[in-house]
Amino acid sequence: MARAGAIPRVLSIAGSDPSGGAGIQADLKSIAAMGGYGMAAIAALTAQNTRGVTAVHTPPAEFLAAQLEAVSSDIEVDAVKIGMLGTAEAIRTVRAWLERTRPPVVVLDPVMIATSGDRLLADDAEEALAALLPQAHLLTPNLPELAALLKEPVPATWEEALAAGLRLSERTGSAVLVKGGHLDGADCPDALVDARHEDGPVLAEIGGRRVATQNTHGTGCSLSSALATVQARTGDWARSLAVTKEWLEGALTASDRLEVGRGHGPVHHFHHAEAAVPLAPGEFAESLWADIAKVRAEIDALPFVAELEAGTLPEAHFAYYLTQDALYLNGYSRVLARVSALAPTEEEQLFWAEGAHACLEVEAELHRTWLSRHPTVAPDAAGSPAEAAPTGGRAVTAAQGPVTKAYVDHLLAASASGSYAVLAAAALPCYWIYAEVGAALHSRHAARSDAADHPYGAWIGTYADERFAEATRRAIAFTDAAGRRASAGEQEAMREAFMASSVYEREFFDAPRRHA
C-alpha cells in the first residue's frame, strides 16, 4: 500500500557496476533521486565500464540469501527492484525469498543483455528466470530481452512490441512495461500492459521524444528502480510511469554534463538536484492531507461538530461561530484576491478571484440570513449575546475573536511572502476541511427523519453543495500543481502553511465553546 508523504524503503537486488552507471550503483542513485531510501543486496560483481563488460563474478547463493535475510529481518521493505542475478542458483534464492516476504511492490528488470550488447545471464539460468517472472508485479525488459523471454524475433515496430508485451503478460500474469527505446525513429514511446486487467490490457501509453545522446548506460536499471520507488509512493502504475519517464528524459538530456567514459556514458540521475523530488499529479496534495490526519481526527471529535449534527448546538454558540466566520471571510477574500494576483495562469487567476467574490457575496448570504432571523443571539463586541435588530444586512456586531484574528494574521503573513505556492497552501484548508466536514455531516443529516426541521440544516447543506465540492477539487488541483513546480524549500514552506491553517481550522470550530 502506498505510504503518502513517507519515504519509501527500496531494496535493489542486482549486480554491481564499478563504473557507477548501471546495476546497484544506478539503482541507488535513482531511488535517492525519486525520494526513496535505497538498500542493496549484491547478486553479482562485474568488471565493466562505459564500453563493455569484461568479467562477471557471482558470489555464493548462500551469501545472497544472507544479505536478503539481514535486510528484511530488520527493515520493512516497501518496494523491491530486481536486476542482474546471473545464475540459476541466485534466481532461485531470490524467488524463495519473495515467496516468504511478499513485498508490496516488486519490479523485475530481466537483465539479460547489456546496452553494449554483452550477454549477462548464464544459459542455464533462463529456465529459472521464467519461473521467477510471475513473482513480480511489473516486468521491464528492453526489446531484445522481451524477444529472448518469448523466444521470438526482436519486434521491429511499436505495434509488434505492444503485442509481444501482451503475450509476456498473459504468460506470466505480471504487468509489463513495453519500452520503445530500441526502435528506430524519433519517437520513443512506453506503455504499461496487463493482459488480465479488468479495465483493458493497455493501462497507459505515453509518447516521448528520442534524446540525441549516446549516454544510455544503465537506462533500464535506472528506470526500473525509479518506478519501484515512485510506485511505493503513489500506488498507481500509470502515474508512476508518467513522472518517472519525464525524469529519465531529463536525465538523458543532461547526461553530457557528466563527461564519464568514452563509450555509452551514464545518465544524469540528479539533473534536478536544485528542484524538489519529481512528483506525480495529485501526490503532493495527498501528502498534505496525510500530514493533517491527526488534526482532522481532532476536528471530527469536537463537541461543536457533534452538537451541530445533532441539532443541539446552543444558538449563542452557532451565532458566535457565524459572526466570526463572516469576519474571517472578509479577510479571507482579500487573501484569495492576492492568490489570484500571484497565480501563474489565467485559469488559476480567474478561479481564485471568483473565490474571493464568493466569500463576500455567496457564502456570506447564509450568515446574513440566519443572523437576521435570530437577532437576539448576535454577539456583541465583547463576544456576549446582545440585542440586535434585523437590518436587512448582516447582523454582526462582534469584533474579531482571538482565533479569528490569529488565523487571518497567519494568512496575511503567508500573503506577504510573495509566494503563490505557499499562499495557495495556506488558503486550501478553508476549502478542503470545510468540504470534508460538510460532506460527512450532510450524508448523515440527509438520512435523518427530521432533516427538514433541523435548525442548522441550511448551513450543513451549503457546505455539501456540489458547486462548493467542485471548487474544492479545483483548489486542491491548483495547489498540487504549484507544489509539484516548487523547490524543495518552497514545498516545506507550503507544508508548514497548510498545517498551520489546518490547526486554525480546528481552533475555529472549537472557539464558540471557549469564547461565546
Protein backbone atom coordinates (compact mmCIF):
# COMPACT_ATOMS: atom_id res chain seq x y z
CA MET A 1 0.00 0.00 0.00
CA ALA A 2 1.28 3.48 -0.86
CA ARG A 3 2.54 5.45 2.13
CA ALA A 4 1.52 9.03 1.32
CA GLY A 5 4.16 11.50 2.40
CA ALA A 6 6.53 8.77 3.66
CA ILE A 7 10.00 7.98 2.36
CA PRO A 8 9.88 4.60 0.52
CA ARG A 9 12.36 1.96 1.67
CA VAL A 10 13.51 0.31 -1.55
CA LEU A 11 15.72 -2.75 -1.88
CA SER A 12 17.68 -3.35 -5.08
CA ILE A 13 18.76 -6.92 -5.78
CA ALA A 14 21.18 -6.66 -8.66
CA GLY A 15 24.76 -6.71 -9.87
CA SER A 16 27.43 -4.16 -9.12
CA ASP A 17 28.87 -1.82 -11.76
CA PRO A 18 32.21 -0.33 -10.68
CA SER A 19 31.85 2.46 -13.24
CA GLY A 20 28.70 3.63 -11.47
CA GLY A 21 26.36 3.86 -14.44
CA ALA A 22 24.29 0.69 -14.13
CA GLY A 23 23.33 -2.02 -11.67
CA ILE A 24 23.30 -1.40 -7.94
CA GLN A 25 25.03 1.95 -8.31
CA ALA A 26 22.46 3.28 -10.78
CA ASP A 27 19.62 1.85 -8.69
CA LEU A 28 20.73 3.61 -5.52
CA LYS A 29 21.08 6.91 -7.38
CA SER A 30 17.64 6.51 -8.95
CA ILE A 31 16.00 5.61 -5.65
CA ALA A 32 17.54 8.63 -3.97
CA ALA A 33 16.62 10.90 -6.90
CA MET A 34 12.99 9.83 -6.57
CA GLY A 35 12.89 10.43 -2.83
CA GLY A 36 13.48 6.90 -1.52
CA TYR A 37 15.83 5.26 0.92
CA GLY A 38 17.91 2.77 -1.05
CA MET A 39 19.25 -0.60 0.10
CA ALA A 40 21.17 -3.21 -1.87
CA ALA A 41 21.75 -6.95 -1.94
CA ILE A 42 24.53 -7.69 -4.42
CA ALA A 43 23.84 -10.72 -6.58
CA ALA A 44 26.83 -10.38 -8.91
CA LEU A 45 30.06 -8.46 -9.33
CA THR A 46 31.08 -7.21 -12.74
CA ALA A 47 34.17 -5.68 -14.24
CA GLN A 48 32.73 -3.15 -16.67
CA ASN A 49 32.85 0.42 -17.85
CA THR A 50 31.03 2.52 -20.43
CA ARG A 51 32.48 0.37 -23.24
CA GLY A 52 31.50 -3.07 -22.04
CA VAL A 53 31.68 -5.93 -19.53
CA THR A 54 35.00 -7.75 -19.22
CA ALA A 55 34.29 -10.15 -16.33
CA VAL A 56 31.49 -11.36 -14.05
CA HIS A 57 31.85 -12.95 -10.61
CA THR A 58 28.84 -14.38 -8.81
CA PRO A 59 29.12 -14.77 -5.02
CA PRO A 60 27.66 -17.95 -3.48
CA ALA A 61 23.87 -18.03 -3.42
CA GLU A 62 24.03 -18.61 0.34
CA PHE A 63 25.65 -15.20 0.77
CA LEU A 64 22.91 -13.55 -1.32
CA ALA A 65 20.33 -15.25 0.92
CA ALA A 66 22.16 -13.93 3.98
CA GLN A 67 22.04 -10.37 2.61
CA LEU A 68 18.32 -10.62 1.93
CA GLU A 69 17.59 -12.04 5.36
CA ALA A 70 19.71 -9.40 7.09
CA VAL A 71 17.76 -6.58 5.45
CA SER A 72 14.22 -7.95 5.68
CA SER A 73 14.54 -9.23 9.25
CA ASP A 74 15.20 -5.69 10.44
CA ILE A 75 13.73 -3.25 7.89
CA GLU A 76 10.25 -3.11 6.39
CA VAL A 77 10.75 -3.13 2.64
CA ASP A 78 8.22 -1.04 0.69
CA ALA A 79 9.47 -1.96 -2.78
CA VAL A 80 11.94 -4.29 -4.45
CA LYS A 81 13.74 -3.82 -7.73
CA ILE A 82 15.39 -6.95 -9.18
CA GLY A 83 18.09 -6.63 -11.80
CA MET A 84 21.02 -8.79 -12.81
CA LEU A 85 21.06 -12.12 -10.98
CA GLY A 86 23.41 -14.05 -13.28
CA THR A 87 22.92 -17.67 -12.23
CA ALA A 88 20.10 -20.14 -11.71
CA GLU A 89 21.07 -20.51 -8.03
CA ALA A 90 20.82 -16.76 -7.44
CA ILE A 91 17.47 -16.60 -9.21
CA ARG A 92 16.04 -19.46 -7.15
CA THR A 93 17.32 -17.81 -3.96
CA VAL A 94 15.53 -14.58 -4.78
CA ARG A 95 12.36 -16.43 -5.74
CA ALA A 96 12.27 -18.26 -2.41
CA TRP A 97 12.81 -15.00 -0.52
CA LEU A 98 9.99 -13.28 -2.43
CA GLU A 99 7.61 -16.12 -1.69
CA ARG A 100 8.34 -15.77 2.03
CA THR A 101 8.31 -11.99 2.36
CA ARG A 102 5.76 -10.89 -0.29
CA PRO A 103 6.93 -7.26 -0.71
CA PRO A 104 4.10 -4.88 -1.72
CA VAL A 105 5.90 -3.68 -4.88
CA VAL A 106 8.20 -5.88 -6.98
CA VAL A 107 9.69 -4.59 -10.23
CA LEU A 108 11.77 -7.10 -12.17
CA ASP A 109 14.14 -5.89 -14.84
CA PRO A 110 15.16 -9.17 -16.51
CA VAL A 111 18.74 -8.20 -17.19
CA MET A 112 19.98 -10.49 -19.92
CA ILE A 113 21.69 -8.20 -22.43
CA ALA A 114 23.59 -5.00 -21.59
CA THR A 115 23.38 -1.75 -23.58
CA SER A 116 26.77 -2.65 -25.02
CA GLY A 117 25.34 -5.95 -26.32
CA ASP A 118 27.09 -8.15 -23.74
CA ARG A 119 25.07 -11.13 -22.51
CA LEU A 120 24.72 -11.01 -18.71
CA LEU A 121 22.72 -14.16 -17.94
CA ALA A 122 24.10 -17.69 -17.92
CA ASP A 123 22.46 -20.02 -20.45
CA ASP A 124 21.24 -22.44 -17.76
CA ALA A 125 19.55 -19.64 -15.83
CA GLU A 126 16.82 -18.82 -18.36
CA GLU A 127 14.51 -21.57 -17.11
CA ALA A 128 14.89 -20.35 -13.52
CA LEU A 129 14.21 -16.79 -14.66
CA ALA A 130 10.99 -17.88 -16.37
CA ALA A 131 9.79 -19.26 -13.03
CA LEU A 132 10.72 -16.01 -11.26
CA LEU A 133 8.79 -13.67 -13.58
CA PRO A 134 5.32 -14.39 -12.11
CA GLN A 135 6.57 -13.22 -8.69
CA ALA A 136 6.86 -9.64 -9.99
CA HIS A 137 4.13 -7.04 -10.21
CA LEU A 138 5.86 -5.37 -13.15
CA LEU A 139 8.41 -6.59 -15.71
CA THR A 140 10.58 -4.05 -17.54
CA PRO A 141 12.52 -5.84 -20.34
CA ASN A 142 14.08 -3.96 -23.21
CA LEU A 143 13.02 -5.21 -26.64
CA PRO A 144 15.92 -7.68 -27.10
CA GLU A 145 15.17 -9.10 -23.64
CA LEU A 146 11.46 -9.24 -24.40
CA ALA A 147 12.24 -11.25 -27.51
CA ALA A 148 14.59 -13.56 -25.60
CA LEU A 149 11.96 -14.24 -22.92
CA LEU A 150 9.39 -15.12 -25.58
CA LYS A 151 11.96 -16.89 -27.80
CA GLU A 152 10.82 -14.72 -30.69
CA PRO A 153 12.47 -12.24 -33.08
CA VAL A 154 13.04 -8.74 -31.73
CA PRO A 155 9.97 -6.54 -32.51
CA ALA A 156 10.62 -4.13 -35.35
CA THR A 157 7.61 -1.82 -34.84
CA TRP A 158 5.75 -0.36 -31.89
CA GLU A 159 2.67 -2.44 -32.71
CA GLU A 160 4.78 -5.61 -32.68
CA ALA A 161 6.34 -4.55 -29.38
CA LEU A 162 2.92 -3.99 -27.75
CA ALA A 163 1.70 -7.38 -28.96
CA ALA A 164 4.82 -9.08 -27.62
CA GLY A 165 4.43 -7.33 -24.27
CA LEU A 166 0.85 -8.57 -24.02
CA ARG A 167 1.96 -12.13 -24.76
CA LEU A 168 4.55 -11.96 -21.98
CA SER A 169 1.95 -10.52 -19.60
CA GLU A 170 -0.51 -13.28 -20.46
CA ARG A 171 2.17 -15.92 -19.97
CA THR A 172 3.43 -14.60 -16.61
CA GLY A 173 0.38 -12.91 -15.06
CA SER A 174 2.52 -9.81 -14.45
CA ALA A 175 2.15 -6.34 -15.91
CA VAL A 176 4.79 -5.46 -18.49
CA LEU A 177 6.40 -2.15 -19.34
CA VAL A 178 6.91 -2.14 -23.10
CA LYS A 179 9.76 0.24 -23.98
CA GLY A 180 10.34 1.75 -27.39
CA GLY A 181 13.91 2.80 -26.83
CA HIS A 182 15.37 0.17 -29.17
CA LEU A 183 13.09 1.05 -32.08
CA ASP A 184 14.20 3.25 -34.96
CA GLY A 185 12.86 6.76 -35.38
CA ALA A 186 12.46 9.96 -33.41
CA ASP A 187 9.62 8.67 -31.24
CA CYS A 188 10.32 6.81 -28.01
CA PRO A 189 7.01 5.60 -26.52
CA ASP A 190 6.43 3.45 -23.44
CA ALA A 191 3.33 1.50 -22.46
CA LEU A 192 2.08 -0.37 -19.41
CA VAL A 193 0.22 -3.51 -20.44
CA ASP A 194 -1.58 -6.12 -18.36
CA ALA A 195 -3.33 -8.81 -20.34
CA ARG A 196 -5.55 -9.74 -17.40
CA HIS A 197 -6.55 -6.31 -16.13
CA GLU A 198 -10.27 -5.77 -15.83
CA ASP A 199 -10.09 -2.27 -17.36
CA GLY A 200 -8.36 -3.48 -20.51
CA PRO A 201 -4.88 -4.67 -21.45
CA VAL A 202 -3.25 -1.27 -22.08
CA LEU A 203 -3.14 0.62 -18.77
CA ALA A 204 -1.17 3.59 -20.05
CA GLU A 205 0.68 4.60 -23.19
CA ILE A 206 2.98 7.61 -23.07
CA GLY A 207 4.73 9.07 -26.06
CA GLY A 208 8.17 10.60 -25.90
CA ARG A 209 10.98 12.01 -27.95
CA ARG A 210 14.26 10.26 -28.53
CA VAL A 211 17.09 12.16 -26.86
CA ALA A 212 20.11 12.55 -29.12
CA THR A 213 22.83 11.09 -26.91
CA GLN A 214 24.99 8.00 -26.71
CA ASN A 215 24.85 8.16 -22.90
CA THR A 216 22.36 5.36 -22.36
CA HIS A 217 24.38 3.18 -19.99
CA GLY A 218 22.11 1.91 -17.22
CA THR A 219 18.85 3.39 -18.52
CA GLY A 220 16.95 0.15 -17.89
CA CYS A 221 18.31 -0.16 -14.34
CA SER A 222 17.56 3.49 -13.62
CA LEU A 223 14.02 3.38 -14.97
CA SER A 224 13.00 0.20 -13.15
CA SER A 225 14.36 1.27 -9.75
CA ALA A 226 12.82 4.72 -10.12
CA LEU A 227 9.47 3.12 -11.00
CA ALA A 228 9.62 0.89 -7.92
CA THR A 229 10.30 3.92 -5.73
CA VAL A 230 7.52 6.10 -7.13
CA GLN A 231 5.05 3.20 -7.10
CA ALA A 232 5.68 2.78 -3.37
CA ARG A 233 4.66 6.43 -3.02
CA THR A 234 1.66 6.56 -5.34
CA GLY A 235 0.23 3.05 -5.60
CA ASP A 236 -0.66 3.82 -9.23
CA TRP A 237 1.47 2.39 -12.05
CA ALA A 238 0.24 4.85 -14.68
CA ARG A 239 1.03 7.88 -12.53
CA SER A 240 4.35 6.37 -11.55
CA LEU A 241 5.33 5.82 -15.17
CA ALA A 242 4.37 9.37 -16.14
CA VAL A 243 6.63 11.03 -13.57
CA THR A 244 9.45 8.51 -13.99
CA LYS A 245 9.53 8.81 -17.78
CA GLU A 246 9.70 12.60 -17.55
CA TRP A 247 12.56 12.34 -15.04
CA LEU A 248 14.51 9.87 -17.20
CA GLU A 249 14.13 12.04 -20.28
CA GLY A 250 15.68 14.89 -18.30
CA ALA A 251 18.44 12.56 -17.07
CA LEU A 252 19.27 11.61 -20.66
CA THR A 253 19.14 15.21 -21.86
CA ALA A 254 21.55 16.34 -19.13
CA SER A 255 23.88 13.32 -19.43
CA ASP A 256 26.54 15.13 -21.47
CA ARG A 257 27.29 17.31 -18.45
CA LEU A 258 28.77 14.29 -16.65
CA GLU A 259 31.58 13.58 -19.15
CA VAL A 260 32.01 10.00 -17.88
CA GLY A 261 33.75 7.42 -20.06
CA ARG A 262 34.44 7.05 -23.77
CA GLY A 263 31.61 4.69 -24.63
CA HIS A 264 27.95 4.68 -23.63
CA GLY A 265 28.07 7.08 -20.68
CA PRO A 266 25.60 7.12 -17.76
CA VAL A 267 22.50 9.26 -17.40
CA HIS A 268 22.50 12.22 -15.02
CA HIS A 269 20.32 10.92 -12.18
CA PHE A 270 20.42 14.19 -10.24
CA HIS A 271 19.81 16.63 -13.07
CA HIS A 272 17.00 18.07 -10.97
CA ALA A 273 19.17 18.48 -7.85
CA GLU A 274 18.18 22.10 -7.36
CA ALA A 275 14.50 21.21 -7.54
CA ALA A 276 12.33 19.01 -5.39
CA VAL A 277 11.86 15.28 -5.93
CA PRO A 278 9.63 14.78 -9.03
CA LEU A 279 6.03 14.10 -8.02
CA ALA A 280 3.08 12.54 -9.81
CA PRO A 281 -0.12 14.59 -10.26
CA GLY A 282 -2.08 14.64 -7.01
CA GLU A 283 0.78 13.23 -4.96
CA PHE A 284 1.79 16.46 -3.24
CA ALA A 285 -1.78 17.27 -2.23
CA GLU A 286 -2.26 13.73 -0.94
CA SER A 287 0.81 14.11 1.24
CA LEU A 288 -0.52 17.41 2.64
CA TRP A 289 -3.78 15.70 3.55
CA ALA A 290 -1.90 12.84 5.18
CA ASP A 291 0.14 15.35 7.19
CA ILE A 292 -3.00 16.62 8.94
CA ALA A 293 -4.62 13.26 9.70
CA LYS A 294 -4.38 13.91 13.46
CA VAL A 295 -5.85 17.41 13.13
CA ARG A 296 -8.75 16.08 11.04
CA ALA A 297 -9.50 13.40 13.64
CA GLU A 298 -9.50 16.07 16.34
CA ILE A 299 -11.97 18.19 14.35
CA ASP A 300 -14.30 15.20 13.94
CA ALA A 301 -14.22 14.66 17.70
CA LEU A 302 -15.07 18.27 18.66
CA PRO A 303 -18.31 18.81 20.64
CA PHE A 304 -19.19 21.63 18.22
CA VAL A 305 -19.35 19.21 15.29
CA ALA A 306 -21.30 16.56 17.20
CA GLU A 307 -23.80 19.09 18.56
CA LEU A 308 -24.15 20.76 15.16
CA GLU A 309 -25.00 17.38 13.61
CA ALA A 310 -27.47 16.54 16.38
CA GLY A 311 -29.11 19.98 16.22
CA THR A 312 -28.41 20.52 19.93
CA LEU A 313 -25.74 23.21 19.50
CA PRO A 314 -26.74 26.28 21.55
CA GLU A 315 -27.85 29.13 19.29
CA ALA A 316 -25.44 31.50 21.01
CA HIS A 317 -22.56 29.20 20.05
CA PHE A 318 -23.71 28.95 16.46
CA ALA A 319 -24.23 32.70 16.25
CA TYR A 320 -20.72 33.32 17.58
CA TYR A 321 -19.38 30.88 15.03
CA LEU A 322 -21.23 32.56 12.14
CA THR A 323 -20.29 36.10 13.12
CA GLN A 324 -16.64 35.11 13.42
CA ASP A 325 -16.88 33.25 10.12
CA ALA A 326 -18.32 36.34 8.43
CA LEU A 327 -15.48 38.44 9.80
CA TYR A 328 -12.98 35.79 8.75
CA LEU A 329 -14.40 35.62 5.22
CA ASN A 330 -13.88 39.34 4.86
CA GLY A 331 -10.17 38.87 5.48
CA TYR A 332 -10.06 35.60 3.54
CA SER A 333 -11.49 37.30 0.46
CA ARG A 334 -8.53 39.70 0.46
CA VAL A 335 -6.17 36.74 0.73
CA LEU A 336 -7.82 34.97 -2.22
CA ALA A 337 -7.56 38.17 -4.23
CA ARG A 338 -3.83 38.12 -3.51
CA VAL A 339 -3.59 34.46 -4.55
CA SER A 340 -5.30 35.44 -7.80
CA ALA A 341 -2.79 38.23 -8.37
CA LEU A 342 0.15 35.85 -7.87
CA ALA A 343 -1.28 32.93 -9.88
CA PRO A 344 0.78 31.96 -12.95
CA THR A 345 -2.07 31.18 -15.35
CA GLU A 346 -5.25 32.94 -16.39
CA GLU A 347 -7.31 29.90 -15.35
CA GLU A 348 -5.93 30.00 -11.83
CA GLN A 349 -6.26 33.77 -11.60
CA LEU A 350 -9.94 33.57 -12.54
CA PHE A 351 -10.63 30.71 -10.11
CA TRP A 352 -9.14 32.42 -7.06
CA ALA A 353 -10.78 35.74 -7.98
CA GLU A 354 -14.15 34.01 -8.17
CA GLY A 355 -13.46 32.53 -4.74
CA ALA A 356 -12.77 35.98 -3.33
CA HIS A 357 -16.08 37.19 -4.73
CA ALA A 358 -17.93 34.18 -3.31
CA CYS A 359 -16.64 34.92 0.17
CA LEU A 360 -18.23 38.35 0.15
CA GLU A 361 -21.41 37.57 -1.75
CA VAL A 362 -22.48 33.94 -1.97
CA GLU A 363 -21.22 32.38 1.27
CA ALA A 364 -21.91 35.49 3.37
CA GLU A 365 -25.60 35.29 2.42
CA LEU A 366 -26.05 32.37 4.79
CA HIS A 367 -24.68 34.44 7.65
CA ARG A 368 -26.93 37.38 6.85
CA THR A 369 -30.00 35.16 6.54
CA TRP A 370 -29.52 33.14 9.72
CA LEU A 371 -28.46 36.03 11.93
CA SER A 372 -31.26 38.26 10.72
CA ARG A 373 -33.72 35.58 11.81
CA HIS A 374 -32.05 35.12 15.20
CA PRO A 375 -31.22 38.71 16.23
CA THR A 376 -31.21 38.11 19.96
CA VAL A 377 -28.16 35.87 19.83
CA ALA A 378 -25.83 38.02 17.75
CA PRO A 379 -22.70 38.50 19.88
CA ASP A 380 -21.57 41.98 20.76
CA ALA A 381 -18.03 43.27 20.54
CA ALA A 382 -17.14 41.50 23.75
CA GLY A 383 -18.33 38.19 22.39
CA SER A 384 -21.50 38.03 24.54
CA PRO A 385 -25.09 37.73 23.25
CA ALA A 386 -26.67 41.14 22.68
CA GLU A 387 -29.86 42.51 21.20
CA ALA A 388 -29.58 43.32 17.51
CA ALA A 389 -32.49 44.23 15.29
CA PRO A 390 -32.56 42.84 11.75
CA THR A 391 -31.44 45.48 9.28
CA GLY A 392 -31.76 43.51 6.08
CA GLY A 393 -28.00 43.11 6.10
CA ARG A 394 -25.57 41.10 8.20
CA ALA A 395 -26.46 41.18 11.91
CA VAL A 396 -22.86 41.17 13.01
CA THR A 397 -21.67 43.46 15.77
CA ALA A 398 -18.75 41.38 17.07
CA ALA A 399 -15.10 42.19 16.78
CA GLN A 400 -12.67 39.52 15.64
CA GLY A 401 -12.20 36.89 18.30
CA PRO A 402 -8.68 35.76 19.21
CA VAL A 403 -8.74 32.70 16.94
CA THR A 404 -10.19 34.63 14.02
CA LYS A 405 -7.57 37.34 14.35
CA ALA A 406 -4.73 34.83 14.64
CA TYR A 407 -5.97 32.88 11.60
CA VAL A 408 -6.33 35.98 9.42
CA ASP A 409 -2.94 37.28 10.58
CA HIS A 410 -1.39 33.92 9.58
CA LEU A 411 -2.92 34.16 6.10
CA LEU A 412 -1.80 37.74 5.67
CA ALA A 413 1.74 36.72 6.67
CA ALA A 414 1.66 34.00 4.02
CA SER A 415 0.39 36.61 1.56
CA ALA A 416 3.34 38.85 2.40
CA SER A 417 5.74 36.03 1.47
CA GLY A 418 5.08 36.74 -2.20
CA SER A 419 4.92 33.00 -2.97
CA TYR A 420 1.88 31.83 -4.90
CA ALA A 421 2.52 28.22 -3.86
CA VAL A 422 2.81 28.99 -0.13
CA LEU A 423 -0.24 31.25 -0.12
CA ALA A 424 -2.34 28.70 -2.03
CA ALA A 425 -1.36 26.05 0.52
CA ALA A 426 -2.31 28.37 3.37
CA ALA A 427 -5.69 29.10 1.78
CA LEU A 428 -6.52 25.49 0.88
CA PRO A 429 -7.70 24.11 4.28
CA CYS A 430 -10.63 26.54 4.32
CA TYR A 431 -11.85 24.76 1.19
CA TRP A 432 -10.77 21.20 1.85
CA ILE A 433 -11.59 20.77 5.53
CA TYR A 434 -14.93 22.54 5.18
CA ALA A 435 -15.84 20.39 2.20
CA GLU A 436 -14.95 17.16 4.01
CA VAL A 437 -16.72 18.14 7.25
CA GLY A 438 -19.74 19.41 5.33
CA ALA A 439 -19.98 16.28 3.15
CA ALA A 440 -19.75 13.97 6.18
CA LEU A 441 -22.37 15.95 8.10
CA HIS A 442 -24.66 16.17 5.09
CA SER A 443 -24.56 12.43 4.35
CA ARG A 444 -25.69 11.67 7.89
CA HIS A 445 -28.08 14.62 8.03
CA ALA A 446 -29.89 13.58 4.83
CA ALA A 447 -30.71 10.19 6.37
CA ARG A 448 -32.43 11.75 9.38
CA SER A 449 -36.19 11.51 9.57
CA ASP A 450 -36.35 15.05 10.99
CA ALA A 451 -33.90 16.58 8.50
CA ALA A 452 -36.41 19.20 7.34
CA ASP A 453 -36.76 20.56 10.87
CA HIS A 454 -33.06 20.58 11.69
CA PRO A 455 -32.12 24.07 12.97
CA TYR A 456 -28.77 24.06 11.16
CA GLY A 457 -29.74 22.15 8.04
CA ALA A 458 -29.16 25.13 5.75
CA TRP A 459 -25.55 25.51 6.87
CA ILE A 460 -24.88 21.79 6.51
CA GLY A 461 -26.42 21.79 3.05
CA THR A 462 -24.39 24.79 1.89
CA TYR A 463 -21.02 23.18 2.53
CA ALA A 464 -22.08 19.89 0.97
CA ASP A 465 -23.18 21.69 -2.20
CA GLU A 466 -21.68 20.21 -5.38
CA ARG A 467 -20.56 23.64 -6.58
CA PHE A 468 -18.51 24.06 -3.43
CA ALA A 469 -17.19 20.50 -3.78
CA GLU A 470 -16.08 21.26 -7.35
CA ALA A 471 -14.43 24.48 -6.24
CA THR A 472 -12.61 22.48 -3.58
CA ARG A 473 -11.38 19.95 -6.13
CA ARG A 474 -10.02 22.75 -8.29
CA ALA A 475 -8.33 24.43 -5.33
CA ILE A 476 -6.68 21.11 -4.47
CA ALA A 477 -5.55 20.57 -8.06
CA PHE A 478 -4.09 24.06 -8.42
CA THR A 479 -2.25 23.82 -5.09
CA ASP A 480 -0.94 20.37 -6.02
CA ALA A 481 0.38 21.68 -9.33
CA ALA A 482 2.07 24.58 -7.53
CA GLY A 483 3.66 22.12 -5.13
CA ARG A 484 5.00 19.96 -7.94
CA ARG A 485 6.58 23.03 -9.54
CA ALA A 486 8.03 24.27 -6.25
CA SER A 487 11.57 23.86 -4.99
CA ALA A 488 12.23 21.59 -2.03
CA GLY A 489 12.46 24.60 0.28
CA GLU A 490 9.22 26.07 -1.01
CA GLN A 491 7.48 22.71 -0.65
CA GLU A 492 8.47 22.65 3.01
CA ALA A 493 7.10 26.19 3.45
CA MET A 494 3.85 25.03 1.81
CA ARG A 495 3.59 22.15 4.27
CA GLU A 496 4.10 24.47 7.22
CA ALA A 497 1.50 26.94 5.92
CA PHE A 498 -1.04 24.18 5.22
CA MET A 499 -0.54 22.63 8.65
CA ALA A 500 -0.85 25.97 10.45
CA SER A 501 -4.10 26.80 8.60
CA SER A 502 -5.47 23.35 9.40
CA VAL A 503 -4.76 23.84 13.10
CA TYR A 504 -6.52 27.21 12.95
CA GLU A 505 -9.50 25.49 11.31
CA ARG A 506 -9.67 23.12 14.28
CA GLU A 507 -9.44 26.03 16.72
CA PHE A 508 -12.07 27.95 14.77
CA PHE A 509 -14.58 25.11 15.17
CA ASP A 510 -13.81 24.93 18.88
CA ALA A 511 -13.82 28.70 19.53
CA PRO A 512 -17.58 29.06 20.23
CA ARG A 513 -17.30 26.71 23.20
CA ARG A 514 -14.47 28.76 24.66
CA HIS A 515 -15.44 32.30 23.73
CA ALA A 516 -19.21 32.53 23.12
